[in-house]
Amino acid sequence: MNAAQGIELPAVLAAHLAAHEARDVERELACYAEEAEVTDEGRTYRGTAEIRAWLGRAASEYSFTSELTAVRQDDAEHWTAVRHLEGNFPGGVVDLRYRYTLKDDRITNLTIAP
């Protein structure tokens, strides 16, 4: 579903997407469960300390613009968001899929991949 179509998101997912867009590491980190895992570029970060370090690097490594282009609910615990990025990273343009697993109003798993 297109993000502009007004799908109602779980509060934690809406908060995460807003914090991610603002590149607000602490607000984004608050959306994760303590034992959460994030996989990005083939590397997995486990727990809030590793995720905080990854967020800090990811927010400063490249300059880019980002637009949320789609969000869909896959099942009761799984959501997928698509962001279109353009910037000074290798390739310059990419559509990334953010695959979320939610439990108890927190993100327990996030996998980011084209």
N, C-alpha and C. Protein backbone atom coordinates (compact mmCIF):
# COMPACT_ATOMS: atom_id res chain seq x y z
N MET A 1 0.84 -1.18 0.00
CA MET A 1 0.00 0.00 0.00
C MET A 1 0.89 1.24 0.00
N ASN A 2 0.53 2.24 -0.77
CA ASN A 2 1.27 3.48 -0.83
C ASN A 2 1.15 4.22 0.49
N ALA A 3 2.25 4.76 0.96
CA ALA A 3 2.25 5.48 2.24
C ALA A 3 1.28 6.64 2.23
N ALA A 4 1.05 7.23 1.08
CA ALA A 4 0.15 8.38 0.97
C ALA A 4 -1.32 7.98 1.09
N GLN A 5 -1.61 6.69 1.05
CA GLN A 5 -3.00 6.24 1.13
C GLN A 5 -3.52 6.17 2.55
N GLY A 6 -2.72 6.54 3.52
CA GLY A 6 -3.20 6.69 4.88
C GLY A 6 -3.38 5.41 5.66
N ILE A 7 -2.55 4.41 5.45
CA ILE A 7 -2.63 3.19 6.23
C ILE A 7 -2.33 3.53 7.70
N GLU A 8 -3.08 2.93 8.61
CA GLU A 8 -2.85 3.17 10.03
C GLU A 8 -1.73 2.27 10.52
N LEU A 9 -0.66 2.89 10.99
CA LEU A 9 0.52 2.15 11.44
C LEU A 9 0.47 1.95 12.94
N PRO A 10 1.07 0.87 13.44
CA PRO A 10 1.26 0.75 14.89
C PRO A 10 2.07 1.94 15.37
N ALA A 11 1.83 2.40 16.58
CA ALA A 11 2.49 3.60 17.11
C ALA A 11 4.02 3.47 17.06
N VAL A 12 4.56 2.30 17.40
CA VAL A 12 6.01 2.14 17.41
C VAL A 12 6.59 2.26 16.01
N LEU A 13 5.88 1.77 15.01
CA LEU A 13 6.37 1.86 13.64
C LEU A 13 6.30 3.31 13.15
N ALA A 14 5.22 4.01 13.45
CA ALA A 14 5.12 5.43 13.08
C ALA A 14 6.23 6.23 13.75
N ALA A 15 6.49 5.95 15.03
CA ALA A 15 7.55 6.66 15.76
C ALA A 15 8.92 6.35 15.16
N HIS A 16 9.15 5.09 14.81
CA HIS A 16 10.43 4.70 14.23
C HIS A 16 10.66 5.38 12.89
N LEU A 17 9.65 5.36 12.03
CA LEU A 17 9.79 5.98 10.72
C LEU A 17 10.07 7.47 10.84
N ALA A 18 9.38 8.16 11.76
CA ALA A 18 9.60 9.59 11.96
C ALA A 18 11.00 9.86 12.50
N ALA A 19 11.44 9.08 13.48
CA ALA A 19 12.77 9.27 14.06
C ALA A 19 13.86 8.95 13.04
N HIS A 20 13.63 7.93 12.23
CA HIS A 20 14.59 7.56 11.19
C HIS A 20 14.73 8.69 10.18
N GLU A 21 13.62 9.26 9.76
CA GLU A 21 13.63 10.36 8.80
C GLU A 21 14.37 11.57 9.39
N ALA A 22 14.17 11.83 10.68
CA ALA A 22 14.82 12.96 11.35
C ALA A 22 16.26 12.66 11.73
N ARG A 23 16.68 11.40 11.58
CA ARG A 23 18.01 10.93 11.97
C ARG A 23 18.27 11.20 13.45
N ASP A 24 17.22 10.94 14.24
CA ASP A 24 17.27 11.12 15.70
C ASP A 24 17.56 9.76 16.33
N VAL A 25 18.82 9.50 16.61
CA VAL A 25 19.28 8.20 17.07
C VAL A 25 18.58 7.77 18.36
N GLU A 26 18.48 8.64 19.34
CA GLU A 26 17.89 8.25 20.62
C GLU A 26 16.39 7.95 20.49
N ARG A 27 15.67 8.75 19.74
CA ARG A 27 14.24 8.47 19.53
C ARG A 27 14.05 7.17 18.75
N GLU A 28 14.90 6.94 17.78
CA GLU A 28 14.80 5.71 16.99
C GLU A 28 15.14 4.50 17.86
N LEU A 29 16.19 4.61 18.65
CA LEU A 29 16.60 3.51 19.52
C LEU A 29 15.51 3.12 20.51
N ALA A 30 14.73 4.09 20.97
CA ALA A 30 13.65 3.83 21.93
C ALA A 30 12.57 2.93 21.35
N CYS A 31 12.54 2.76 20.04
CA CYS A 31 11.52 1.92 19.39
C CYS A 31 11.89 0.43 19.42
N TYR A 32 13.14 0.11 19.73
CA TYR A 32 13.62 -1.27 19.69
C TYR A 32 13.48 -1.96 21.04
N ALA A 33 13.17 -3.25 21.00
CA ALA A 33 13.24 -4.08 22.19
C ALA A 33 14.71 -4.22 22.59
N GLU A 34 14.96 -4.47 23.85
CA GLU A 34 16.33 -4.59 24.34
C GLU A 34 17.13 -5.67 23.60
N GLU A 35 16.46 -6.76 23.23
CA GLU A 35 17.14 -7.88 22.56
C GLU A 35 16.97 -7.84 21.04
N ALA A 36 16.60 -6.69 20.50
CA ALA A 36 16.33 -6.57 19.06
C ALA A 36 17.57 -6.86 18.22
N GLU A 37 17.30 -7.21 16.95
CA GLU A 37 18.36 -7.42 15.97
C GLU A 37 18.04 -6.61 14.73
N VAL A 38 19.09 -5.99 14.16
CA VAL A 38 18.96 -5.26 12.91
C VAL A 38 19.98 -5.84 11.95
N THR A 39 19.55 -6.14 10.73
CA THR A 39 20.46 -6.60 9.69
C THR A 39 20.45 -5.57 8.57
N ASP A 40 21.64 -5.05 8.25
CA ASP A 40 21.81 -4.05 7.21
C ASP A 40 23.11 -4.36 6.48
N GLU A 41 23.05 -4.36 5.16
CA GLU A 41 24.22 -4.65 4.33
C GLU A 41 24.88 -5.97 4.73
N GLY A 42 24.05 -6.97 5.08
CA GLY A 42 24.55 -8.30 5.40
C GLY A 42 25.14 -8.46 6.79
N ARG A 43 25.15 -7.41 7.58
CA ARG A 43 25.71 -7.50 8.94
C ARG A 43 24.58 -7.35 9.95
N THR A 44 24.61 -8.16 11.00
CA THR A 44 23.57 -8.14 12.03
C THR A 44 24.10 -7.48 13.30
N TYR A 45 23.30 -6.58 13.83
CA TYR A 45 23.60 -5.86 15.07
C TYR A 45 22.61 -6.34 16.11
N ARG A 46 23.12 -6.78 17.25
CA ARG A 46 22.27 -7.38 18.29
C ARG A 46 22.29 -6.54 19.56
N GLY A 47 21.11 -6.25 20.07
CA GLY A 47 20.99 -5.50 21.31
C GLY A 47 21.13 -4.00 21.10
N THR A 48 20.70 -3.25 22.09
CA THR A 48 20.63 -1.80 21.93
C THR A 48 22.01 -1.14 21.80
N ALA A 49 23.04 -1.67 22.42
CA ALA A 49 24.37 -1.05 22.31
C ALA A 49 24.88 -1.14 20.87
N GLU A 50 24.78 -2.32 20.25
CA GLU A 50 25.23 -2.48 18.86
C GLU A 50 24.35 -1.69 17.91
N ILE A 51 23.05 -1.67 18.17
CA ILE A 51 22.13 -0.92 17.31
C ILE A 51 22.43 0.58 17.42
N ARG A 52 22.70 1.10 18.62
CA ARG A 52 23.04 2.52 18.79
C ARG A 52 24.29 2.86 17.98
N ALA A 53 25.31 2.03 18.03
CA ALA A 53 26.54 2.28 17.28
C ALA A 53 26.25 2.27 15.78
N TRP A 54 25.46 1.30 15.32
CA TRP A 54 25.09 1.23 13.90
C TRP A 54 24.31 2.48 13.48
N LEU A 55 23.35 2.91 14.29
CA LEU A 55 22.56 4.10 13.96
C LEU A 55 23.46 5.33 13.86
N GLY A 56 24.40 5.46 14.76
CA GLY A 56 25.32 6.60 14.72
C GLY A 56 26.14 6.63 13.45
N ARG A 57 26.63 5.46 13.03
CA ARG A 57 27.40 5.39 11.78
C ARG A 57 26.51 5.63 10.58
N ALA A 58 25.35 4.99 10.56
CA ALA A 58 24.45 5.09 9.41
C ALA A 58 23.98 6.53 9.20
N ALA A 59 23.80 7.27 10.28
CA ALA A 59 23.31 8.65 10.17
C ALA A 59 24.37 9.61 9.64
N SER A 60 25.65 9.26 9.76
CA SER A 60 26.70 10.19 9.37
C SER A 60 27.56 9.74 8.20
N GLU A 61 27.40 8.50 7.76
CA GLU A 61 28.29 7.95 6.73
C GLU A 61 28.10 8.61 5.37
N TYR A 62 26.86 8.87 4.97
CA TYR A 62 26.57 9.45 3.66
C TYR A 62 25.54 10.56 3.79
N SER A 63 25.50 11.43 2.79
CA SER A 63 24.43 12.42 2.69
C SER A 63 23.42 11.89 1.69
N PHE A 64 22.14 11.97 2.05
CA PHE A 64 21.12 11.46 1.14
C PHE A 64 19.76 12.06 1.49
N THR A 65 18.86 11.97 0.52
CA THR A 65 17.46 12.29 0.76
C THR A 65 16.71 10.97 0.79
N SER A 66 15.61 10.95 1.51
CA SER A 66 14.86 9.72 1.70
C SER A 66 13.37 10.02 1.62
N GLU A 67 12.65 9.18 0.90
CA GLU A 67 11.20 9.33 0.81
C GLU A 67 10.54 7.98 1.06
N LEU A 68 9.61 7.94 2.00
CA LEU A 68 8.83 6.74 2.25
C LEU A 68 7.84 6.60 1.11
N THR A 69 7.93 5.51 0.35
CA THR A 69 7.08 5.35 -0.82
C THR A 69 5.97 4.32 -0.64
N ALA A 70 6.12 3.40 0.31
CA ALA A 70 5.09 2.39 0.52
C ALA A 70 5.22 1.76 1.90
N VAL A 71 4.10 1.32 2.44
CA VAL A 71 4.06 0.56 3.68
C VAL A 71 2.96 -0.48 3.55
N ARG A 72 3.25 -1.69 4.01
CA ARG A 72 2.21 -2.72 4.00
C ARG A 72 2.34 -3.59 5.24
N GLN A 73 1.21 -4.11 5.67
CA GLN A 73 1.20 -5.07 6.77
C GLN A 73 1.22 -6.45 6.16
N ASP A 74 2.22 -7.25 6.50
CA ASP A 74 2.37 -8.59 5.95
C ASP A 74 1.56 -9.61 6.74
N ASP A 75 1.53 -9.46 8.06
CA ASP A 75 0.70 -10.27 8.95
C ASP A 75 0.64 -9.55 10.29
N ALA A 76 0.17 -10.20 11.32
CA ALA A 76 -0.05 -9.53 12.61
C ALA A 76 1.22 -8.91 13.19
N GLU A 77 2.38 -9.52 12.97
CA GLU A 77 3.63 -9.02 13.56
C GLU A 77 4.62 -8.45 12.56
N HIS A 78 4.33 -8.55 11.27
CA HIS A 78 5.32 -8.18 10.25
C HIS A 78 4.80 -7.07 9.34
N TRP A 79 5.67 -6.08 9.14
CA TRP A 79 5.38 -4.94 8.27
C TRP A 79 6.56 -4.72 7.35
N THR A 80 6.30 -4.15 6.17
CA THR A 80 7.36 -3.78 5.24
C THR A 80 7.16 -2.32 4.83
N ALA A 81 8.22 -1.54 4.94
CA ALA A 81 8.21 -0.15 4.47
C ALA A 81 9.26 -0.04 3.37
N VAL A 82 8.98 0.78 2.37
CA VAL A 82 9.93 0.99 1.28
C VAL A 82 10.32 2.47 1.28
N ARG A 83 11.63 2.71 1.28
CA ARG A 83 12.16 4.07 1.21
C ARG A 83 13.00 4.21 -0.05
N HIS A 84 12.79 5.32 -0.75
CA HIS A 84 13.59 5.66 -1.93
C HIS A 84 14.68 6.62 -1.46
N LEU A 85 15.95 6.25 -1.65
CA LEU A 85 17.08 7.07 -1.25
C LEU A 85 17.86 7.55 -2.46
N GLU A 86 18.30 8.79 -2.41
CA GLU A 86 19.22 9.35 -3.40
C GLU A 86 20.30 10.09 -2.64
N GLY A 87 21.58 9.82 -3.01
CA GLY A 87 22.65 10.49 -2.28
C GLY A 87 24.02 10.16 -2.80
N ASN A 88 25.04 10.38 -1.95
CA ASN A 88 26.43 10.20 -2.37
C ASN A 88 26.99 8.83 -1.96
N PHE A 89 26.13 7.85 -1.77
CA PHE A 89 26.56 6.48 -1.48
C PHE A 89 26.79 5.76 -2.81
N PRO A 90 27.50 4.63 -2.80
CA PRO A 90 27.74 3.89 -4.05
C PRO A 90 26.43 3.59 -4.79
N GLY A 91 26.36 3.94 -6.05
CA GLY A 91 25.16 3.73 -6.85
C GLY A 91 24.26 4.95 -6.89
N GLY A 92 24.24 5.74 -5.82
CA GLY A 92 23.53 7.00 -5.79
C GLY A 92 22.02 6.96 -5.63
N VAL A 93 21.37 5.86 -6.02
CA VAL A 93 19.91 5.73 -5.92
C VAL A 93 19.58 4.30 -5.55
N VAL A 94 18.64 4.14 -4.60
CA VAL A 94 18.22 2.79 -4.22
C VAL A 94 16.84 2.85 -3.57
N ASP A 95 16.08 1.80 -3.77
CA ASP A 95 14.84 1.58 -3.02
C ASP A 95 15.13 0.49 -2.01
N LEU A 96 15.04 0.83 -0.73
CA LEU A 96 15.32 -0.13 0.33
C LEU A 96 14.03 -0.59 0.98
N ARG A 97 13.97 -1.90 1.26
CA ARG A 97 12.85 -2.48 1.99
C ARG A 97 13.27 -2.67 3.44
N TYR A 98 12.46 -2.13 4.32
CA TYR A 98 12.66 -2.26 5.76
C TYR A 98 11.63 -3.27 6.23
N ARG A 99 12.08 -4.48 6.56
CA ARG A 99 11.17 -5.54 7.00
C ARG A 99 11.21 -5.63 8.53
N TYR A 100 10.08 -5.30 9.14
CA TYR A 100 9.97 -5.21 10.59
C TYR A 100 9.26 -6.40 11.18
N THR A 101 9.72 -6.83 12.35
CA THR A 101 8.96 -7.73 13.21
C THR A 101 8.68 -6.96 14.49
N LEU A 102 7.40 -6.89 14.87
CA LEU A 102 6.97 -6.15 16.05
C LEU A 102 6.43 -7.11 17.09
N LYS A 103 6.73 -6.83 18.35
CA LYS A 103 6.20 -7.62 19.46
C LYS A 103 6.13 -6.72 20.69
N ASP A 104 5.00 -6.76 21.37
CA ASP A 104 4.81 -5.98 22.60
C ASP A 104 5.16 -4.50 22.39
N ASP A 105 4.69 -3.93 21.29
CA ASP A 105 4.88 -2.51 20.98
C ASP A 105 6.34 -2.10 20.83
N ARG A 106 7.18 -3.02 20.39
CA ARG A 106 8.60 -2.73 20.13
C ARG A 106 9.02 -3.47 18.86
N ILE A 107 10.08 -2.97 18.25
CA ILE A 107 10.69 -3.64 17.09
C ILE A 107 11.64 -4.69 17.64
N THR A 108 11.42 -5.94 17.25
CA THR A 108 12.32 -7.01 17.69
C THR A 108 13.29 -7.41 16.59
N ASN A 109 12.93 -7.11 15.34
CA ASN A 109 13.81 -7.42 14.22
C ASN A 109 13.56 -6.45 13.09
N LEU A 110 14.63 -6.00 12.47
CA LEU A 110 14.55 -5.15 11.28
C LEU A 110 15.60 -5.63 10.30
N THR A 111 15.18 -5.93 9.09
CA THR A 111 16.09 -6.31 8.02
C THR A 111 15.95 -5.28 6.91
N ILE A 112 17.06 -4.68 6.53
CA ILE A 112 17.08 -3.66 5.49
C ILE A 112 17.81 -4.23 4.29
N ALA A 113 17.15 -4.20 3.12
CA ALA A 113 17.75 -4.74 1.91
C ALA A 113 17.04 -4.14 0.69
N PRO A 114 17.73 -4.11 -0.46
CA PRO A 114 17.06 -3.65 -1.68
C PRO A 114 15.89 -4.54 -2.06
